[in-house]
Structure formats: C-alpha cells, structure tokens
C-alpha cells in the first residue's frame, strides 16, 4: 500500500488538475471576500472570516473539488490506457483503487493547508483584526482536519463514480449537490450531526461557542464511520471496470478466382 501511495504521489506531478484544486481553494476565499461587502453591519474579524471560509468550502467548493480530483486520478488509468498494464502485476483492482483513495486523503490535507494559507493572506490584506498566532493556529486546526473529514464524507460518491466511464465528472456534480445539502441540514442540529457533510463541522467544533449550536461528537463520528463502511463495501466489490471497446473487425474482401 505504501508503494502504491508513493507511486500515486509521483504521478500527481503530471496532473494539472491538482492546480485546479488549489485554485478552487483560492476561489472559496475570494467568494468569502466578496461577501464581506454584501453584509452590512457585520464586524469582520479573522476568526469570523475563517469560519466563513470553512462554510464556503463545506457547502459549495470542497466536496465537488475533492471528488473531481480523486475521480480524475482514478479515471486517468483508463484514459491513458495504462490500467491494463498495471493489472498485469499481482495487484487487484480493489487494492489499486484503495491506494488511489488513500492518496486522495493526503491530497485533502494538502488542499486544507492551501485553504488555510489563502485565508490568512486574505485576512491580512483586508486588515481584519484578531489575526494573532493563536487564532491562526486554531483556524488551521479546524480548516485542515475539516477538509479531511469532508473527504471521508464524499468517499462513497467517489467509489461509485470509479465504476463508471468518466465517472469523475458525474461524481463532481453529485458531490456538489451533496455538499450544498449541508446548508439545509445545518438548520436542524440532529440532522446536522447525522448528515456526513455537516458532521465534519461538528468534529472540528465549528461555532461551538454559539449557544444555539449543539454538536454531538459521537453522532458525528458514527456518521463518518458509516460512510467509510459504505466505501469499503464498494471498493471490495468493485471489479475491473474498464469499459470494453468493441474491436472493429476487419472486413474480409472475398475475391473471386478466375478459372
């Protein structure tokens, strides 16, 4: 497994899609910056700005982003026609898929770090108060793990999309709708604790200082463990799903022999 992950990390250098993920993390921060001019009477501080970036990531950007990139990493083996060569070595397709999903976990941490850096930079450029070192460390301790938990939340979607030709595009769309549903789940704390996307917020204590916010860590853990179990079943039962292409049969030209 470690060798598979090292191989996938080496191949990531060739994928420009990774930079698209970094851009999407920047986009989440920029969308939050734009909202600072739309909310009148709101006192913007660094902690509040970091919370709004997390909210933007959770409901609109990150689930779609990580599903697209991880699905792309999986589908490239078929697009580049390298899957048939990889499977000649003693590695089953589920193990190969598991290695790619584990690489996606590391990628989610990297994107979380990028999101944190963009958040800190934007806050300083806008001059928001409260950007102390403890506040920055607290923001990092929430944003980075939250990206990891969001990745766990969308794992079943990625695993299902891996069974489909060009499934990363379908998975990205489904993940976007899935993440956007977190806005509605957040309106009810019981549902927020059970819905995997919003459960990621509970595990990092998002707005836990608010008396109206009551997170149940056990329910949040149960929710994400359920997604891991579903993903594990999907990976184990996944067969080598390269779409078979019908080979064109060469036309046989029958010539009549002269007598």
C-alpha atoms as a PDB file:
ATOM      1  CA  UNK A   1       0.000   0.000   0.000  1.00  0.00           C
ATOM      2  CA  UNK A   2       2.831   2.391   0.852  1.00  0.00           C
ATOM      3  CA  UNK A   3       4.448   1.654  -2.509  1.00  0.00           C
ATOM      4  CA  UNK A   4       1.165   2.349  -4.286  1.00  0.00           C
ATOM      5  CA  UNK A   5       0.759   5.666  -2.494  1.00  0.00           C
ATOM      6  CA  UNK A   6       4.342   6.677  -3.342  1.00  0.00           C
ATOM      7  CA  UNK A   7       3.666   5.864  -6.979  1.00  0.00           C
ATOM      8  CA  UNK A   8       0.454   7.887  -6.989  1.00  0.00           C
ATOM      9  CA  UNK A   9       2.183  10.857  -5.347  1.00  0.00           C
ATOM     10  CA  UNK A  10       4.888  10.706  -8.004  1.00  0.00           C
ATOM     11  CA  UNK A  11       2.273  10.667 -10.766  1.00  0.00           C
ATOM     12  CA  UNK A  12       0.499  13.666  -9.239  1.00  0.00           C
ATOM     13  CA  UNK A  13       3.280  15.859 -10.606  1.00  0.00           C
ATOM     14  CA  UNK A  14       1.948  15.227 -14.103  1.00  0.00           C
ATOM     15  CA  UNK A  15      -1.636  16.132 -13.303  1.00  0.00           C
ATOM     16  CA  UNK A  16      -2.537  19.784 -13.837  1.00  0.00           C
ATOM     17  CA  UNK A  17      -5.856  19.016 -12.150  1.00  0.00           C
ATOM     18  CA  UNK A  18      -4.089  19.417  -8.803  1.00  0.00           C
ATOM     19  CA  UNK A  19      -3.567  23.093  -9.541  1.00  0.00           C
ATOM     20  CA  UNK A  20      -7.253  23.345 -10.326  1.00  0.00           C
ATOM     21  CA  UNK A  21      -7.878  22.157  -6.769  1.00  0.00           C
ATOM     22  CA  UNK A  22      -5.550  24.832  -5.390  1.00  0.00           C
ATOM     23  CA  UNK A  23      -7.403  27.421  -7.471  1.00  0.00           C
ATOM     24  CA  UNK A  24     -10.736  26.221  -6.083  1.00  0.00           C
ATOM     25  CA  UNK A  25      -9.396  26.687  -2.558  1.00  0.00           C
ATOM     26  CA  UNK A  26      -8.485  30.243  -3.531  1.00  0.00           C
ATOM     27  CA  UNK A  27     -11.923  30.670  -5.073  1.00  0.00           C
ATOM     28  CA  UNK A  28     -13.583  29.773  -1.769  1.00  0.00           C
ATOM     29  CA  UNK A  29     -11.602  32.533  -0.077  1.00  0.00           C
ATOM     30  CA  UNK A  30     -12.402  35.028  -2.843  1.00  0.00           C
ATOM     31  CA  UNK A  31     -16.122  34.263  -2.626  1.00  0.00           C
ATOM     32  CA  UNK A  32     -15.924  34.902   1.101  1.00  0.00           C
ATOM     33  CA  UNK A  33     -14.113  38.180   0.461  1.00  0.00           C
ATOM     34  CA  UNK A  34     -16.878  39.277  -1.898  1.00  0.00           C
ATOM     35  CA  UNK A  35     -19.452  38.547   0.780  1.00  0.00           C
ATOM     36  CA  UNK A  36     -17.730  40.979   3.146  1.00  0.00           C
ATOM     37  CA  UNK A  37     -19.112  43.850   1.084  1.00  0.00           C
ATOM     38  CA  UNK A  38     -22.611  42.371   0.976  1.00  0.00           C
ATOM     39  CA  UNK A  39     -23.218  42.049   4.719  1.00  0.00           C
ATOM     40  CA  UNK A  40     -23.925  45.432   6.281  1.00  0.00           C
ATOM     41  CA  UNK A  41     -23.284  45.907   9.968  1.00  0.00           C
ATOM     42  CA  UNK A  42     -21.185  42.749  10.317  1.00  0.00           C
ATOM     43  CA  UNK A  43     -17.923  43.144  12.195  1.00  0.00           C
ATOM     44  CA  UNK A  44     -15.374  41.092  10.288  1.00  0.00           C
ATOM     45  CA  UNK A  45     -12.512  39.657  12.314  1.00  0.00           C
ATOM     46  CA  UNK A  46     -10.026  36.970  11.398  1.00  0.00           C
ATOM     47  CA  UNK A  47     -11.817  34.189  13.356  1.00  0.00           C
ATOM     48  CA  UNK A  48     -15.160  35.122  11.774  1.00  0.00           C
ATOM     49  CA  UNK A  49     -13.563  35.290   8.313  1.00  0.00           C
ATOM     50  CA  UNK A  50     -12.010  31.844   8.794  1.00  0.00           C
ATOM     51  CA  UNK A  51     -15.418  30.440   9.786  1.00  0.00           C
ATOM     52  CA  UNK A  52     -16.994  31.860   6.655  1.00  0.00           C
ATOM     53  CA  UNK A  53     -14.270  30.325   4.506  1.00  0.00           C
ATOM     54  CA  UNK A  54     -14.976  26.958   6.110  1.00  0.00           C
ATOM     55  CA  UNK A  55     -18.675  27.384   5.410  1.00  0.00           C
ATOM     56  CA  UNK A  56     -17.940  28.204   1.754  1.00  0.00           C
ATOM     57  CA  UNK A  57     -15.682  25.171   1.485  1.00  0.00           C
ATOM     58  CA  UNK A  58     -18.200  22.839   3.073  1.00  0.00           C
ATOM     59  CA  UNK A  59     -21.322  23.822   1.168  1.00  0.00           C
ATOM     60  CA  UNK A  60     -20.074  24.750  -2.302  1.00  0.00           C
ATOM     61  CA  UNK A  61     -16.418  24.072  -3.061  1.00  0.00           C
ATOM     62  CA  UNK A  62     -14.582  21.251  -1.331  1.00  0.00           C
ATOM     63  CA  UNK A  63     -16.872  18.205  -1.799  1.00  0.00           C
ATOM     64  CA  UNK A  64     -17.052  18.904  -5.533  1.00  0.00           C
ATOM     65  CA  UNK A  65     -13.332  19.706  -5.705  1.00  0.00           C
ATOM     66  CA  UNK A  66     -12.031  16.583  -3.984  1.00  0.00           C
ATOM     67  CA  UNK A  67     -14.487  14.298  -5.793  1.00  0.00           C
ATOM     68  CA  UNK A  68     -13.400  15.732  -9.135  1.00  0.00           C
ATOM     69  CA  UNK A  69      -9.666  15.448  -8.475  1.00  0.00           C
ATOM     70  CA  UNK A  70      -9.691  11.999  -6.862  1.00  0.00           C
ATOM     71  CA  UNK A  71     -12.047  10.693  -9.526  1.00  0.00           C
ATOM     72  CA  UNK A  72      -9.752  12.153 -12.172  1.00  0.00           C
ATOM     73  CA  UNK A  73      -6.760  10.350 -10.649  1.00  0.00           C
ATOM     74  CA  UNK A  74      -8.703   7.094 -10.860  1.00  0.00           C
ATOM     75  CA  UNK A  75     -10.053   7.591 -14.383  1.00  0.00           C
ATOM     76  CA  UNK A  76      -6.691   8.614 -15.859  1.00  0.00           C
ATOM     77  CA  UNK A  77      -5.561   4.993 -15.827  1.00  0.00           C
ATOM     78  CA  UNK A  78      -8.276   4.187 -18.340  1.00  0.00           C
ATOM     79  CA  UNK A  79      -7.894   7.415 -20.299  1.00  0.00           C
ATOM     80  CA  UNK A  80      -4.132   6.901 -20.666  1.00  0.00           C
ATOM     81  CA  UNK A  81      -4.710   3.215 -21.403  1.00  0.00           C
ATOM     82  CA  UNK A  82      -2.321   2.200 -18.604  1.00  0.00           C
ATOM     83  CA  UNK A  83      -4.746   0.202 -16.467  1.00  0.00           C
ATOM     84  CA  UNK A  84      -4.312  -2.994 -18.452  1.00  0.00           C
ATOM     85  CA  UNK A  85      -0.548  -2.807 -17.927  1.00  0.00           C
ATOM     86  CA  UNK A  86      -0.844  -2.124 -14.193  1.00  0.00           C
ATOM     87  CA  UNK A  87      -3.140  -5.090 -13.671  1.00  0.00           C
ATOM     88  CA  UNK A  88      -0.559  -7.448 -15.136  1.00  0.00           C
ATOM     89  CA  UNK A  89       1.374  -7.205 -11.872  1.00  0.00           C
ATOM     90  CA  UNK A  90      -0.061  -9.019  -8.823  1.00  0.00           C
ATOM     91  CA  UNK A  91      -2.234  -6.088  -7.676  1.00  0.00           C
ATOM     92  CA  UNK A  92      -6.001  -6.412  -7.783  1.00  0.00           C
ATOM     93  CA  UNK A  93      -8.168  -3.547  -8.957  1.00  0.00           C
ATOM     94  CA  UNK A  94      -9.724  -3.003  -5.469  1.00  0.00           C
ATOM     95  CA  UNK A  95      -6.225  -2.695  -3.951  1.00  0.00           C
ATOM     96  CA  UNK A  96      -5.231  -0.265  -6.697  1.00  0.00           C
ATOM     97  CA  UNK A  97      -8.402   1.726  -6.056  1.00  0.00           C
ATOM     98  CA  UNK A  98      -7.709   1.738  -2.321  1.00  0.00           C
ATOM     99  CA  UNK A  99      -4.231   3.142  -2.951  1.00  0.00           C
ATOM    100  CA  UNK A 100      -5.683   5.980  -5.006  1.00  0.00           C
ATOM    101  CA  UNK A 101      -8.302   6.745  -2.349  1.00  0.00           C
ATOM    102  CA  UNK A 102      -5.574   6.844   0.304  1.00  0.00           C
ATOM    103  CA  UNK A 103      -3.672   9.300  -1.881  1.00  0.00           C
ATOM    104  CA  UNK A 104      -6.819  11.414  -2.077  1.00  0.00           C
ATOM    105  CA  UNK A 105      -6.780  11.571   1.718  1.00  0.00           C
ATOM    106  CA  UNK A 106      -3.291  13.089   1.658  1.00  0.00           C
ATOM    107  CA  UNK A 107      -4.414  15.434  -1.079  1.00  0.00           C
ATOM    108  CA  UNK A 108      -7.318  16.648   1.050  1.00  0.00           C
ATOM    109  CA  UNK A 109      -4.858  17.589   3.805  1.00  0.00           C
ATOM    110  CA  UNK A 110      -2.725  19.461   1.278  1.00  0.00           C
ATOM    111  CA  UNK A 111      -5.741  21.399  -0.009  1.00  0.00           C
ATOM    112  CA  UNK A 112      -6.738  22.157   3.574  1.00  0.00           C
ATOM    113  CA  UNK A 113      -3.293  23.622   4.149  1.00  0.00           C
ATOM    114  CA  UNK A 114      -3.615  25.696   0.964  1.00  0.00           C
ATOM    115  CA  UNK A 115      -7.018  26.946   2.112  1.00  0.00           C
ATOM    116  CA  UNK A 116      -5.538  27.977   5.460  1.00  0.00           C
ATOM    117  CA  UNK A 117      -2.712  29.895   3.805  1.00  0.00           C
ATOM    118  CA  UNK A 118      -5.085  31.716   1.455  1.00  0.00           C
ATOM    119  CA  UNK A 119      -7.357  32.565   4.383  1.00  0.00           C
ATOM    120  CA  UNK A 120      -4.524  34.046   6.442  1.00  0.00           C
ATOM    121  CA  UNK A 121      -3.155  36.003   3.463  1.00  0.00           C
ATOM    122  CA  UNK A 122      -6.565  37.447   2.548  1.00  0.00           C
ATOM    123  CA  UNK A 123      -7.283  38.411   6.142  1.00  0.00           C
ATOM    124  CA  UNK A 124      -4.020  40.324   6.430  1.00  0.00           C
ATOM    125  CA  UNK A 125      -4.553  42.047   3.070  1.00  0.00           C
ATOM    126  CA  UNK A 126      -8.035  43.157   4.132  1.00  0.00           C
ATOM    127  CA  UNK A 127      -6.796  44.261   7.529  1.00  0.00           C
ATOM    128  CA  UNK A 128      -9.175  42.184   9.630  1.00  0.00           C
ATOM    129  CA  UNK A 129      -8.340  42.378  13.345  1.00  0.00           C
ATOM    130  CA  UNK A 130      -7.751  39.335  15.519  1.00  0.00           C
ATOM    131  CA  UNK A 131      -5.151  37.647  13.312  1.00  0.00           C
ATOM    132  CA  UNK A 132      -2.980  36.586  16.221  1.00  0.00           C
ATOM    133  CA  UNK A 133      -0.823  33.471  16.189  1.00  0.00           C
ATOM    134  CA  UNK A 134      -3.206  31.503  18.479  1.00  0.00           C
ATOM    135  CA  UNK A 135      -6.145  32.465  16.233  1.00  0.00           C
ATOM    136  CA  UNK A 136      -4.245  31.380  13.122  1.00  0.00           C
ATOM    137  CA  UNK A 137      -3.287  28.055  14.709  1.00  0.00           C
ATOM    138  CA  UNK A 138      -6.886  27.477  15.767  1.00  0.00           C
ATOM    139  CA  UNK A 139      -8.097  28.208  12.245  1.00  0.00           C
ATOM    140  CA  UNK A 140      -5.549  25.745  10.833  1.00  0.00           C
ATOM    141  CA  UNK A 141      -6.611  23.136  13.411  1.00  0.00           C
ATOM    142  CA  UNK A 142     -10.177  23.453  12.107  1.00  0.00           C
ATOM    143  CA  UNK A 143      -9.791  24.020   8.353  1.00  0.00           C
ATOM    144  CA  UNK A 144      -7.259  21.252   7.647  1.00  0.00           C
ATOM    145  CA  UNK A 145      -8.988  18.418   9.583  1.00  0.00           C
ATOM    146  CA  UNK A 146     -12.349  19.602   8.252  1.00  0.00           C
ATOM    147  CA  UNK A 147     -11.104  19.042   4.687  1.00  0.00           C
ATOM    148  CA  UNK A 148     -10.066  15.516   5.674  1.00  0.00           C
ATOM    149  CA  UNK A 149     -13.463  14.802   7.237  1.00  0.00           C
ATOM    150  CA  UNK A 150     -15.221  16.209   4.172  1.00  0.00           C
ATOM    151  CA  UNK A 151     -13.185  13.824   2.051  1.00  0.00           C
ATOM    152  CA  UNK A 152     -14.386  10.925   4.196  1.00  0.00           C
ATOM    153  CA  UNK A 153     -17.939  12.178   3.728  1.00  0.00           C
ATOM    154  CA  UNK A 154     -17.736  12.031  -0.074  1.00  0.00           C
ATOM    155  CA  UNK A 155     -15.812   8.739  -0.298  1.00  0.00           C
ATOM    156  CA  UNK A 156     -18.907   6.677  -1.240  1.00  0.00           C
ATOM    157  CA  UNK A 157     -19.600   9.042  -4.143  1.00  0.00           C
ATOM    158  CA  UNK A 158     -16.012   8.708  -5.365  1.00  0.00           C
ATOM    159  CA  UNK A 159     -16.139   4.910  -5.035  1.00  0.00           C
ATOM    160  CA  UNK A 160     -19.390   4.716  -7.026  1.00  0.00           C
ATOM    161  CA  UNK A 161     -18.072   7.096  -9.691  1.00  0.00           C
ATOM    162  CA  UNK A 162     -14.994   4.877 -10.067  1.00  0.00           C
ATOM    163  CA  UNK A 163     -17.253   2.182 -11.522  1.00  0.00           C
ATOM    164  CA  UNK A 164     -18.395   4.460 -14.365  1.00  0.00           C
ATOM    165  CA  UNK A 165     -16.585   5.593 -17.510  1.00  0.00           C
ATOM    166  CA  UNK A 166     -15.551   9.236 -16.942  1.00  0.00           C
ATOM    167  CA  UNK A 167     -17.309   8.944 -13.605  1.00  0.00           C
ATOM    168  CA  UNK A 168     -15.264  11.752 -12.050  1.00  0.00           C
ATOM    169  CA  UNK A 169     -17.434  14.327 -13.822  1.00  0.00           C
ATOM    170  CA  UNK A 170     -20.642  12.709 -12.604  1.00  0.00           C
ATOM    171  CA  UNK A 171     -19.175  12.325  -9.136  1.00  0.00           C
ATOM    172  CA  UNK A 172     -18.244  16.016  -9.016  1.00  0.00           C
ATOM    173  CA  UNK A 173     -21.802  17.064  -9.845  1.00  0.00           C
ATOM    174  CA  UNK A 174     -23.315  14.694  -7.282  1.00  0.00           C
ATOM    175  CA  UNK A 175     -20.778  15.813  -4.661  1.00  0.00           C
ATOM    176  CA  UNK A 176     -21.673  19.463  -5.286  1.00  0.00           C
ATOM    177  CA  UNK A 177     -25.368  18.761  -4.677  1.00  0.00           C
ATOM    178  CA  UNK A 178     -24.398  16.613  -1.689  1.00  0.00           C
ATOM    179  CA  UNK A 179     -22.339  19.426  -0.185  1.00  0.00           C
ATOM    180  CA  UNK A 180     -24.965  22.066  -0.917  1.00  0.00           C
ATOM    181  CA  UNK A 181     -27.455  19.951   1.010  1.00  0.00           C
ATOM    182  CA  UNK A 182     -25.412  20.731   4.088  1.00  0.00           C
ATOM    183  CA  UNK A 183     -26.952  24.214   4.104  1.00  0.00           C
ATOM    184  CA  UNK A 184     -30.371  22.685   4.725  1.00  0.00           C
ATOM    185  CA  UNK A 185     -29.092  20.047   7.164  1.00  0.00           C
ATOM    186  CA  UNK A 186     -27.480  22.767   9.272  1.00  0.00           C
ATOM    187  CA  UNK A 187     -30.929  24.131  10.122  1.00  0.00           C
ATOM    188  CA  UNK A 188     -31.609  21.166  12.418  1.00  0.00           C
ATOM    189  CA  UNK A 189     -28.914  20.105  14.865  1.00  0.00           C
ATOM    190  CA  UNK A 190     -29.998  16.454  14.947  1.00  0.00           C
ATOM    191  CA  UNK A 191     -29.803  16.257  11.170  1.00  0.00           C
ATOM    192  CA  UNK A 192     -26.583  18.278  11.184  1.00  0.00           C
ATOM    193  CA  UNK A 193     -24.956  15.700  13.455  1.00  0.00           C
ATOM    194  CA  UNK A 194     -26.054  12.830  11.231  1.00  0.00           C
ATOM    195  CA  UNK A 195     -25.517  14.333   7.767  1.00  0.00           C
ATOM    196  CA  UNK A 196     -21.907  13.436   6.880  1.00  0.00           C
ATOM    197  CA  UNK A 197     -21.047  16.814   5.348  1.00  0.00           C
ATOM    198  CA  UNK A 198     -22.161  18.804   8.383  1.00  0.00           C
ATOM    199  CA  UNK A 199     -20.861  16.127  10.759  1.00  0.00           C
ATOM    200  CA  UNK A 200     -17.392  17.203   9.654  1.00  0.00           C
ATOM    201  CA  UNK A 201     -18.162  20.596  11.145  1.00  0.00           C
ATOM    202  CA  UNK A 202     -19.097  19.036  14.458  1.00  0.00           C
ATOM    203  CA  UNK A 203     -15.814  17.142  14.712  1.00  0.00           C
ATOM    204  CA  UNK A 204     -13.826  20.383  14.465  1.00  0.00           C
ATOM    205  CA  UNK A 205     -16.157  22.322  16.765  1.00  0.00           C
ATOM    206  CA  UNK A 206     -17.435  24.788  14.175  1.00  0.00           C
ATOM    207  CA  UNK A 207     -19.063  27.722  16.033  1.00  0.00           C
ATOM    208  CA  UNK A 208     -19.240  25.605  19.180  1.00  0.00           C
ATOM    209  CA  UNK A 209     -19.172  28.805  21.243  1.00  0.00           C
ATOM    210  CA  UNK A 210     -22.664  29.646  19.950  1.00  0.00           C
ATOM    211  CA  UNK A 211     -25.344  28.587  22.500  1.00  0.00           C
ATOM    212  CA  UNK A 212     -27.613  27.563  19.611  1.00  0.00           C
ATOM    213  CA  UNK A 213     -25.037  25.093  18.269  1.00  0.00           C
ATOM    214  CA  UNK A 214     -25.088  21.699  19.977  1.00  0.00           C
ATOM    215  CA  UNK A 215     -22.743  19.191  18.407  1.00  0.00           C
ATOM    216  CA  UNK A 216     -22.848  15.533  19.374  1.00  0.00           C
ATOM    217  CA  UNK A 217     -19.345  14.172  18.626  1.00  0.00           C
ATOM    218  CA  UNK A 218     -20.498  10.543  18.906  1.00  0.00           C
ATOM    219  CA  UNK A 219     -23.180  11.025  16.255  1.00  0.00           C
ATOM    220  CA  UNK A 220     -20.701  12.852  14.038  1.00  0.00           C
ATOM    221  CA  UNK A 221     -18.189  10.012  14.355  1.00  0.00           C
ATOM    222  CA  UNK A 222     -20.922   7.448  13.684  1.00  0.00           C
ATOM    223  CA  UNK A 223     -21.946   9.344  10.547  1.00  0.00           C
ATOM    224  CA  UNK A 224     -18.446   9.362   9.055  1.00  0.00           C
ATOM    225  CA  UNK A 225     -17.770   5.760  10.096  1.00  0.00           C
ATOM    226  CA  UNK A 226     -20.909   4.811   8.183  1.00  0.00           C
ATOM    227  CA  UNK A 227     -19.553   6.482   5.036  1.00  0.00           C
ATOM    228  CA  UNK A 228     -16.260   4.635   5.492  1.00  0.00           C
ATOM    229  CA  UNK A 229     -18.104   1.335   5.804  1.00  0.00           C
ATOM    230  CA  UNK A 230     -20.141   2.004   2.665  1.00  0.00           C
ATOM    231  CA  UNK A 231     -16.975   2.973   0.809  1.00  0.00           C
ATOM    232  CA  UNK A 232     -15.181  -0.179   1.994  1.00  0.00           C
ATOM    233  CA  UNK A 233     -18.006  -2.369   0.697  1.00  0.00           C
ATOM    234  CA  UNK A 234     -17.988  -0.554  -2.648  1.00  0.00           C
ATOM    235  CA  UNK A 235     -14.214  -0.905  -3.010  1.00  0.00           C
ATOM    236  CA  UNK A 236     -14.144  -4.613  -2.094  1.00  0.00           C
ATOM    237  CA  UNK A 237     -16.966  -5.420  -4.515  1.00  0.00           C
ATOM    238  CA  UNK A 238     -15.538  -3.324  -7.350  1.00  0.00           C
ATOM    239  CA  UNK A 239     -14.355  -5.344 -10.295  1.00  0.00           C
ATOM    240  CA  UNK A 240     -12.012  -4.281 -13.001  1.00  0.00           C
ATOM    241  CA  UNK A 241     -14.350  -1.887 -14.708  1.00  0.00           C
ATOM    242  CA  UNK A 242     -12.511  -0.783 -17.798  1.00  0.00           C
ATOM    243  CA  UNK A 243     -15.202  -0.232 -20.414  1.00  0.00           C
ATOM    244  CA  UNK A 244     -14.756  -2.762 -23.112  1.00  0.00           C
ATOM    245  CA  UNK A 245     -14.403  -1.300 -26.504  1.00  0.00           C
ATOM    246  CA  UNK A 246     -15.705  -3.296 -29.345  1.00  0.00           C
ATOM    247  CA  UNK A 247     -12.891  -4.113 -31.645  1.00  0.00           C
ATOM    248  CA  UNK A 248     -13.547  -3.305 -35.210  1.00  0.00           C
ATOM    249  CA  UNK A 249     -13.440  -6.385 -37.243  1.00  0.00           C
ATOM    250  CA  UNK A 250     -11.519  -6.043 -40.408  1.00  0.00           C
ATOM    251  CA  UNK A 251     -13.643  -6.556 -43.426  1.00  0.00           C
ATOM    252  CA  UNK A 252     -12.733  -9.565 -45.384  1.00  0.00           C
ATOM    253  CA  UNK A 253     -12.690  -8.953 -49.064  1.00  0.00           C
ATOM    254  CA  UNK A 254     -13.716 -12.033 -50.958  1.00  0.00           C
ATOM    255  CA  UNK A 255     -12.286 -12.143 -54.369  1.00  0.00           C
ATOM    256  CA  UNK A 256     -13.440 -14.483 -56.956  1.00  0.00           C
ATOM    257  CA  UNK A 257     -10.803 -16.508 -58.523  1.00  0.00           C
ATOM    258  CA  UNK A 258     -10.928 -16.800 -62.160  1.00  0.00           C
ATOM    259  CA  UNK A 259     -10.898 -20.203 -63.694  1.00  0.00           C
END
